[in-house]
């Protein structure tokens, strides 16, 4: 018996099972009919309704997104701020920064200042002392 291929059958043995299963999930959601938010008929294909002609914005492959549903409930005032934050955290997969892991903002490092320039008189005096020191030491022959 031959194996049933389905929507991802055109890929053959390529791309791995996880990728093919994700593709199947996306395409089945894309091609299935959804409920219209205006007339409540199951006649929505992507963003347009076949029955009433209503067009609306949604996700890339589905008429609504989870984030859009949460935002709609929040704007209607049906949820408290704490419930909203927990739902958004669950939508992110619970990826939340623990308070102990918060990194303090570092101050920018100060540049080291150059030593103040010596006055011209001191520089001249040092060069004279060096010249006298060279003259006093006998040259080795």
N, C-alpha and C. Protein backbone atom coordinates (compact mmCIF):
# COMPACT_ATOMS: atom_id res chain seq x y z
N UNK A 1 0.83 -1.19 0.00
CA UNK A 1 0.00 0.00 0.00
C UNK A 1 0.87 1.25 0.00
N UNK A 2 0.43 2.24 -0.75
CA UNK A 2 1.19 3.50 -0.75
C UNK A 2 0.80 4.35 0.44
N UNK A 3 1.70 5.19 0.82
CA UNK A 3 1.47 6.03 1.98
C UNK A 3 0.64 7.25 1.60
N UNK A 4 -0.26 7.68 2.50
CA UNK A 4 -1.07 8.87 2.24
C UNK A 4 -0.19 10.11 2.41
N UNK A 5 -0.28 11.00 1.46
CA UNK A 5 0.63 12.15 1.49
C UNK A 5 -0.02 13.40 2.07
N UNK A 6 -1.15 13.81 1.57
CA UNK A 6 -1.81 15.00 2.11
C UNK A 6 -1.28 16.28 1.50
N UNK A 7 -1.44 17.39 2.24
CA UNK A 7 -1.08 18.70 1.72
C UNK A 7 0.42 18.87 1.50
N UNK A 8 1.23 18.28 2.36
CA UNK A 8 2.67 18.44 2.24
C UNK A 8 3.30 17.32 1.42
N UNK A 9 2.49 16.60 0.67
CA UNK A 9 3.01 15.50 -0.12
C UNK A 9 3.93 15.94 -1.23
N UNK A 10 3.75 17.15 -1.68
CA UNK A 10 4.60 17.67 -2.74
C UNK A 10 6.03 17.90 -2.30
N UNK A 11 6.25 17.96 -0.98
CA UNK A 11 7.61 18.18 -0.47
C UNK A 11 8.43 16.90 -0.51
N UNK A 12 7.76 15.76 -0.57
CA UNK A 12 8.48 14.49 -0.57
C UNK A 12 9.13 14.25 0.79
N UNK A 13 10.37 13.79 0.76
CA UNK A 13 11.08 13.51 2.01
C UNK A 13 11.89 14.72 2.48
N UNK A 14 11.68 15.86 1.87
CA UNK A 14 12.48 17.04 2.19
C UNK A 14 11.90 17.86 3.33
N UNK A 15 12.72 18.67 3.95
CA UNK A 15 12.38 19.71 4.93
C UNK A 15 12.06 19.20 6.33
N UNK A 16 11.95 17.93 6.57
CA UNK A 16 11.72 17.41 7.91
C UNK A 16 10.25 17.36 8.28
N UNK A 17 9.93 16.51 9.25
CA UNK A 17 8.53 16.31 9.62
C UNK A 17 7.95 17.51 10.34
N UNK A 18 8.74 18.15 11.20
CA UNK A 18 8.20 19.29 11.97
C UNK A 18 7.79 20.41 11.02
N UNK A 19 8.62 20.71 10.07
CA UNK A 19 8.32 21.79 9.12
C UNK A 19 7.11 21.44 8.27
N UNK A 20 7.03 20.19 7.83
CA UNK A 20 5.87 19.79 7.02
C UNK A 20 4.59 19.84 7.83
N UNK A 21 4.64 19.45 9.10
CA UNK A 21 3.44 19.49 9.94
C UNK A 21 3.00 20.93 10.19
N UNK A 22 3.97 21.83 10.40
CA UNK A 22 3.62 23.25 10.57
C UNK A 22 2.95 23.78 9.30
N UNK A 23 3.49 23.40 8.16
CA UNK A 23 2.92 23.83 6.89
C UNK A 23 1.48 23.33 6.75
N UNK A 24 1.25 22.07 7.10
CA UNK A 24 -0.10 21.49 7.02
C UNK A 24 -1.05 22.25 7.93
N UNK A 25 -0.61 22.57 9.16
CA UNK A 25 -1.48 23.29 10.10
C UNK A 25 -1.83 24.68 9.56
N UNK A 26 -0.87 25.36 8.99
CA UNK A 26 -1.11 26.71 8.46
C UNK A 26 -2.05 26.67 7.26
N UNK A 27 -1.80 25.75 6.34
CA UNK A 27 -2.59 25.71 5.11
C UNK A 27 -4.01 25.24 5.39
N UNK A 28 -4.20 24.30 6.31
CA UNK A 28 -5.57 23.87 6.62
C UNK A 28 -6.35 25.01 7.27
N UNK A 29 -5.71 25.79 8.13
CA UNK A 29 -6.39 26.95 8.72
C UNK A 29 -6.68 28.02 7.69
N UNK A 30 -5.79 28.15 6.72
CA UNK A 30 -5.96 29.14 5.67
C UNK A 30 -7.13 28.80 4.76
N UNK A 31 -7.25 27.53 4.40
CA UNK A 31 -8.26 27.12 3.43
C UNK A 31 -9.62 26.82 4.04
N UNK A 32 -9.70 26.68 5.36
CA UNK A 32 -10.99 26.37 5.97
C UNK A 32 -11.85 27.63 6.06
N UNK A 33 -13.14 27.43 6.22
CA UNK A 33 -14.07 28.56 6.32
C UNK A 33 -14.22 28.95 7.78
N UNK A 34 -14.30 30.27 8.01
CA UNK A 34 -14.41 30.80 9.36
C UNK A 34 -15.71 31.59 9.49
N UNK A 35 -16.04 31.94 10.74
CA UNK A 35 -17.28 32.65 11.01
C UNK A 35 -17.10 34.15 10.81
N UNK A 36 -18.08 34.77 10.16
CA UNK A 36 -18.05 36.21 9.90
C UNK A 36 -18.37 36.97 11.18
N UNK A 37 -17.61 38.03 11.50
CA UNK A 37 -17.92 38.79 12.71
C UNK A 37 -19.18 39.64 12.58
N UNK A 38 -19.65 39.89 11.36
CA UNK A 38 -20.84 40.71 11.17
C UNK A 38 -22.11 39.86 11.05
N UNK A 39 -22.13 38.90 10.10
CA UNK A 39 -23.37 38.14 9.86
C UNK A 39 -23.36 36.76 10.51
N UNK A 40 -22.27 36.36 11.13
CA UNK A 40 -22.13 35.10 11.87
C UNK A 40 -22.29 33.85 11.00
N UNK A 41 -22.13 33.96 9.69
CA UNK A 41 -22.16 32.80 8.81
C UNK A 41 -20.75 32.26 8.66
N UNK A 42 -20.65 30.96 8.43
CA UNK A 42 -19.33 30.35 8.20
C UNK A 42 -19.00 30.47 6.72
N UNK A 43 -18.68 31.67 6.31
CA UNK A 43 -18.39 31.89 4.90
C UNK A 43 -17.18 32.80 4.68
N UNK A 44 -16.32 32.90 5.69
CA UNK A 44 -15.14 33.76 5.58
C UNK A 44 -13.99 32.95 5.00
N UNK A 45 -13.40 33.47 3.94
CA UNK A 45 -12.17 32.92 3.39
C UNK A 45 -11.12 34.01 3.57
N UNK A 46 -10.17 33.78 4.39
CA UNK A 46 -9.12 34.75 4.74
C UNK A 46 -9.72 36.01 5.33
N UNK A 47 -9.92 37.07 4.53
CA UNK A 47 -10.37 38.34 5.11
C UNK A 47 -11.70 38.81 4.56
N UNK A 48 -12.24 38.13 3.56
CA UNK A 48 -13.49 38.61 2.97
C UNK A 48 -14.59 37.56 3.16
N UNK A 49 -15.80 38.07 3.33
CA UNK A 49 -16.96 37.20 3.56
C UNK A 49 -17.67 37.01 2.23
N UNK A 50 -17.97 35.75 1.90
CA UNK A 50 -18.64 35.46 0.64
C UNK A 50 -20.10 35.89 0.65
N UNK A 51 -20.77 35.82 1.80
CA UNK A 51 -22.20 36.10 1.87
C UNK A 51 -22.52 37.59 1.87
N UNK A 52 -21.89 38.32 2.80
CA UNK A 52 -22.24 39.74 2.93
C UNK A 52 -21.21 40.68 2.32
N UNK A 53 -20.08 40.19 1.86
CA UNK A 53 -19.08 41.03 1.21
C UNK A 53 -18.24 41.86 2.17
N UNK A 54 -18.31 41.57 3.45
CA UNK A 54 -17.57 42.32 4.47
C UNK A 54 -16.09 41.95 4.41
N UNK A 55 -15.22 42.96 4.42
CA UNK A 55 -13.78 42.72 4.46
C UNK A 55 -13.24 43.30 5.76
N UNK A 56 -12.31 42.59 6.36
CA UNK A 56 -11.75 43.05 7.63
C UNK A 56 -10.31 42.60 7.74
N UNK A 57 -9.60 43.18 8.69
CA UNK A 57 -8.19 42.84 8.90
C UNK A 57 -8.07 41.71 9.90
N UNK A 58 -7.03 40.92 9.74
CA UNK A 58 -6.80 39.81 10.65
C UNK A 58 -5.36 39.37 10.58
N UNK A 59 -5.15 38.09 10.83
CA UNK A 59 -3.81 37.55 10.75
C UNK A 59 -3.43 37.23 9.32
N UNK A 60 -2.23 36.73 9.15
CA UNK A 60 -1.75 36.42 7.80
C UNK A 60 -2.49 35.23 7.21
N UNK A 61 -2.78 34.22 8.02
CA UNK A 61 -3.39 33.00 7.50
C UNK A 61 -4.73 32.69 8.16
N UNK A 62 -5.17 33.53 9.07
CA UNK A 62 -6.44 33.32 9.76
C UNK A 62 -7.12 34.68 9.91
N UNK A 63 -8.44 34.69 10.03
CA UNK A 63 -9.13 35.97 10.13
C UNK A 63 -8.86 36.73 11.43
N UNK A 64 -8.46 36.04 12.48
CA UNK A 64 -8.14 36.72 13.74
C UNK A 64 -6.85 36.15 14.31
N UNK A 65 -6.24 36.91 15.19
CA UNK A 65 -5.06 36.44 15.91
C UNK A 65 -5.38 36.41 17.39
N UNK A 66 -4.59 35.68 18.15
CA UNK A 66 -4.83 35.61 19.59
C UNK A 66 -4.65 36.97 20.23
N UNK A 67 -3.64 37.69 19.78
CA UNK A 67 -3.40 39.02 20.32
C UNK A 67 -4.55 39.97 19.99
N UNK A 68 -5.11 39.83 18.80
CA UNK A 68 -6.25 40.66 18.41
C UNK A 68 -7.48 40.36 19.25
N UNK A 69 -7.70 39.09 19.58
CA UNK A 69 -8.84 38.73 20.43
C UNK A 69 -8.68 39.30 21.83
N UNK A 70 -7.47 39.23 22.37
CA UNK A 70 -7.20 39.78 23.71
C UNK A 70 -7.40 41.29 23.69
N UNK A 71 -6.93 41.96 22.64
CA UNK A 71 -7.07 43.41 22.54
C UNK A 71 -8.53 43.81 22.42
N UNK A 72 -9.32 43.04 21.68
CA UNK A 72 -10.74 43.35 21.53
C UNK A 72 -11.47 43.23 22.86
N UNK A 73 -11.15 42.19 23.63
CA UNK A 73 -11.78 42.04 24.94
C UNK A 73 -11.35 43.15 25.89
N UNK A 74 -10.10 43.57 25.80
CA UNK A 74 -9.60 44.62 26.68
C UNK A 74 -10.26 45.96 26.36
N UNK A 75 -10.47 46.24 25.08
CA UNK A 75 -11.10 47.51 24.71
C UNK A 75 -12.58 47.54 25.05
N UNK A 76 -13.21 46.39 25.06
CA UNK A 76 -14.61 46.33 25.47
C UNK A 76 -14.76 46.47 26.97
N UNK A 77 -13.66 46.38 27.70
CA UNK A 77 -13.71 46.52 29.15
C UNK A 77 -14.16 45.27 29.87
N UNK A 78 -13.97 44.12 29.26
CA UNK A 78 -14.43 42.88 29.86
C UNK A 78 -13.39 42.20 30.74
N UNK A 79 -12.21 42.81 30.88
CA UNK A 79 -11.18 42.17 31.70
C UNK A 79 -10.42 43.21 32.51
N UNK A 80 -9.96 42.76 33.66
CA UNK A 80 -9.18 43.64 34.53
C UNK A 80 -7.74 43.72 34.02
N UNK A 81 -7.00 44.73 34.44
CA UNK A 81 -5.60 44.84 33.99
C UNK A 81 -4.74 43.64 34.39
N UNK A 82 -5.01 43.05 35.56
CA UNK A 82 -4.21 41.90 35.97
C UNK A 82 -4.48 40.69 35.07
N UNK A 83 -5.75 40.50 34.70
CA UNK A 83 -6.09 39.41 33.79
C UNK A 83 -5.45 39.64 32.42
N UNK A 84 -5.46 40.90 31.99
CA UNK A 84 -4.84 41.23 30.70
C UNK A 84 -3.36 40.91 30.71
N UNK A 85 -2.67 41.27 31.79
CA UNK A 85 -1.23 41.01 31.84
C UNK A 85 -0.93 39.51 31.88
N UNK A 86 -1.75 38.73 32.60
CA UNK A 86 -1.51 37.28 32.63
C UNK A 86 -1.76 36.65 31.27
N UNK A 87 -2.79 37.12 30.55
CA UNK A 87 -3.06 36.56 29.22
C UNK A 87 -1.95 36.91 28.24
N UNK A 88 -1.45 38.14 28.33
CA UNK A 88 -0.35 38.53 27.44
C UNK A 88 0.91 37.75 27.76
N UNK A 89 1.14 37.47 29.05
CA UNK A 89 2.30 36.66 29.43
C UNK A 89 2.17 35.24 28.90
N UNK A 90 0.96 34.68 28.97
CA UNK A 90 0.78 33.32 28.46
C UNK A 90 0.92 33.29 26.94
N UNK A 91 0.55 34.38 26.29
CA UNK A 91 0.70 34.45 24.84
C UNK A 91 2.17 34.48 24.45
N UNK A 92 2.98 35.13 25.27
CA UNK A 92 4.42 35.17 25.01
C UNK A 92 5.09 33.87 25.38
N UNK A 93 4.36 32.94 25.93
CA UNK A 93 4.95 31.67 26.34
C UNK A 93 5.51 31.75 27.74
N UNK A 94 5.05 32.71 28.52
CA UNK A 94 5.52 32.84 29.90
C UNK A 94 6.92 33.40 30.00
N UNK A 95 7.46 33.91 28.93
CA UNK A 95 8.81 34.47 28.97
C UNK A 95 8.76 35.80 29.69
N UNK A 96 9.07 35.76 30.96
CA UNK A 96 9.01 36.96 31.78
C UNK A 96 10.33 37.11 32.50
N UNK A 97 10.80 38.31 32.62
CA UNK A 97 12.07 38.56 33.28
C UNK A 97 11.82 38.59 34.78
N UNK A 98 12.54 37.75 35.52
CA UNK A 98 12.40 37.72 36.97
C UNK A 98 12.97 39.00 37.56
N UNK A 99 12.41 39.48 38.68
CA UNK A 99 12.91 40.73 39.26
C UNK A 99 14.37 40.64 39.66
N UNK A 100 14.84 39.46 40.08
CA UNK A 100 16.24 39.33 40.48
C UNK A 100 17.17 39.34 39.28
N UNK A 101 16.63 39.06 38.10
CA UNK A 101 17.45 39.00 36.91
C UNK A 101 17.54 40.34 36.18
N UNK A 102 16.84 41.36 36.69
CA UNK A 102 16.87 42.65 36.03
C UNK A 102 18.26 43.24 36.17
N UNK A 103 18.83 43.62 35.07
CA UNK A 103 20.19 44.15 35.06
C UNK A 103 20.13 45.66 35.26
N UNK A 104 20.92 46.14 36.20
CA UNK A 104 20.97 47.57 36.44
C UNK A 104 21.66 48.26 35.28
N UNK A 105 21.19 49.42 34.97
CA UNK A 105 21.79 50.17 33.87
C UNK A 105 23.13 50.72 34.34
N UNK A 106 24.16 50.41 33.58
CA UNK A 106 25.49 50.84 33.96
C UNK A 106 25.70 52.28 33.52
N UNK A 107 26.42 53.01 34.36
CA UNK A 107 26.77 54.37 34.00
C UNK A 107 27.89 54.31 32.97
N UNK A 108 27.90 55.23 32.05
CA UNK A 108 29.00 55.22 31.09
C UNK A 108 30.32 55.51 31.79
N UNK A 109 31.33 54.79 31.38
CA UNK A 109 32.63 54.97 32.02
C UNK A 109 33.18 56.34 31.69
N UNK A 110 33.75 56.97 32.72
CA UNK A 110 34.33 58.29 32.51
C UNK A 110 35.69 58.14 31.84
N UNK A 111 35.98 59.03 30.95
CA UNK A 111 37.28 59.00 30.29
C UNK A 111 38.34 59.51 31.25
N UNK A 112 39.51 58.91 31.18
CA UNK A 112 40.60 59.39 32.00
C UNK A 112 41.07 60.72 31.46
N UNK A 113 41.31 61.61 32.38
CA UNK A 113 41.77 62.92 31.96
C UNK A 113 43.28 62.93 31.84
N UNK A 114 43.75 63.67 30.90
CA UNK A 114 45.19 63.82 30.74
C UNK A 114 45.74 64.59 31.91
N UNK A 115 47.00 64.30 32.22
CA UNK A 115 47.66 65.07 33.26
C UNK A 115 47.73 66.51 32.78
N UNK A 116 47.49 67.44 33.68
CA UNK A 116 47.53 68.83 33.23
C UNK A 116 48.90 69.17 32.66
N UNK A 117 48.91 69.91 31.62
CA UNK A 117 50.17 70.27 30.95
C UNK A 117 51.01 71.15 31.88
N UNK A 118 52.29 70.84 31.91
CA UNK A 118 53.19 71.64 32.75
C UNK A 118 53.40 73.00 32.11
N UNK A 119 53.59 74.00 32.93
CA UNK A 119 53.85 75.32 32.36
C UNK A 119 55.12 75.30 31.52
N UNK A 120 55.21 76.18 30.58
CA UNK A 120 56.33 76.23 29.64
C UNK A 120 57.66 76.45 30.37
N UNK A 121 57.65 77.24 31.46
CA UNK A 121 58.89 77.52 32.19
C UNK A 121 59.48 76.25 32.76
N UNK A 122 58.64 75.35 33.33
CA UNK A 122 59.15 74.11 33.91
C UNK A 122 59.74 73.22 32.83
N UNK A 123 59.11 73.16 31.69
CA UNK A 123 59.60 72.32 30.60
C UNK A 123 60.97 72.82 30.15
N UNK A 124 61.12 74.13 30.04
CA UNK A 124 62.41 74.70 29.64
C UNK A 124 63.47 74.41 30.69
N UNK A 125 63.10 74.51 31.98
CA UNK A 125 64.06 74.25 33.06
C UNK A 125 64.52 72.79 33.02
N UNK A 126 63.60 71.86 32.78
CA UNK A 126 63.97 70.44 32.71
C UNK A 126 64.91 70.18 31.55
N UNK A 127 64.63 70.77 30.41
CA UNK A 127 65.49 70.55 29.25
C UNK A 127 66.89 71.13 29.50
N UNK A 128 66.98 72.24 30.24
CA UNK A 128 68.29 72.82 30.58
C UNK A 128 69.05 71.89 31.53
N UNK A 129 68.34 71.31 32.52
CA UNK A 129 68.98 70.40 33.47
C UNK A 129 69.51 69.16 32.74
N UNK A 130 68.75 68.65 31.82
CA UNK A 130 69.19 67.48 31.06
C UNK A 130 70.41 67.82 30.22
N UNK A 131 70.44 69.00 29.66
CA UNK A 131 71.58 69.41 28.84
C UNK A 131 72.83 69.55 29.70
N UNK A 132 72.67 70.08 30.93
CA UNK A 132 73.81 70.23 31.83
C UNK A 132 74.30 68.87 32.30
N UNK A 133 73.38 67.96 32.55
CA UNK A 133 73.74 66.61 32.99
C UNK A 133 74.53 65.88 31.93
N UNK A 134 74.21 66.07 30.68
CA UNK A 134 74.93 65.43 29.59
C UNK A 134 76.33 66.02 29.45
N UNK A 135 76.45 67.30 29.72
CA UNK A 135 77.75 67.95 29.59
C UNK A 135 78.68 67.53 30.72
N UNK A 136 78.16 67.29 31.94
CA UNK A 136 78.98 66.93 33.10
C UNK A 136 79.50 65.51 33.01
N UNK A 137 78.75 64.60 32.44
CA UNK A 137 79.19 63.21 32.37
C UNK A 137 80.21 63.07 31.26
N UNK A 138 81.39 62.50 31.59
CA UNK A 138 82.40 62.35 30.55
C UNK A 138 82.00 61.27 29.56
N UNK A 139 82.32 61.48 28.36
CA UNK A 139 81.99 60.53 27.30
C UNK A 139 82.96 59.37 27.36
N UNK A 140 82.49 58.19 27.21
CA UNK A 140 83.33 57.00 27.27
C UNK A 140 84.07 56.85 25.96
N UNK A 141 85.38 56.59 26.08
CA UNK A 141 86.17 56.45 24.87
C UNK A 141 86.79 55.11 24.79
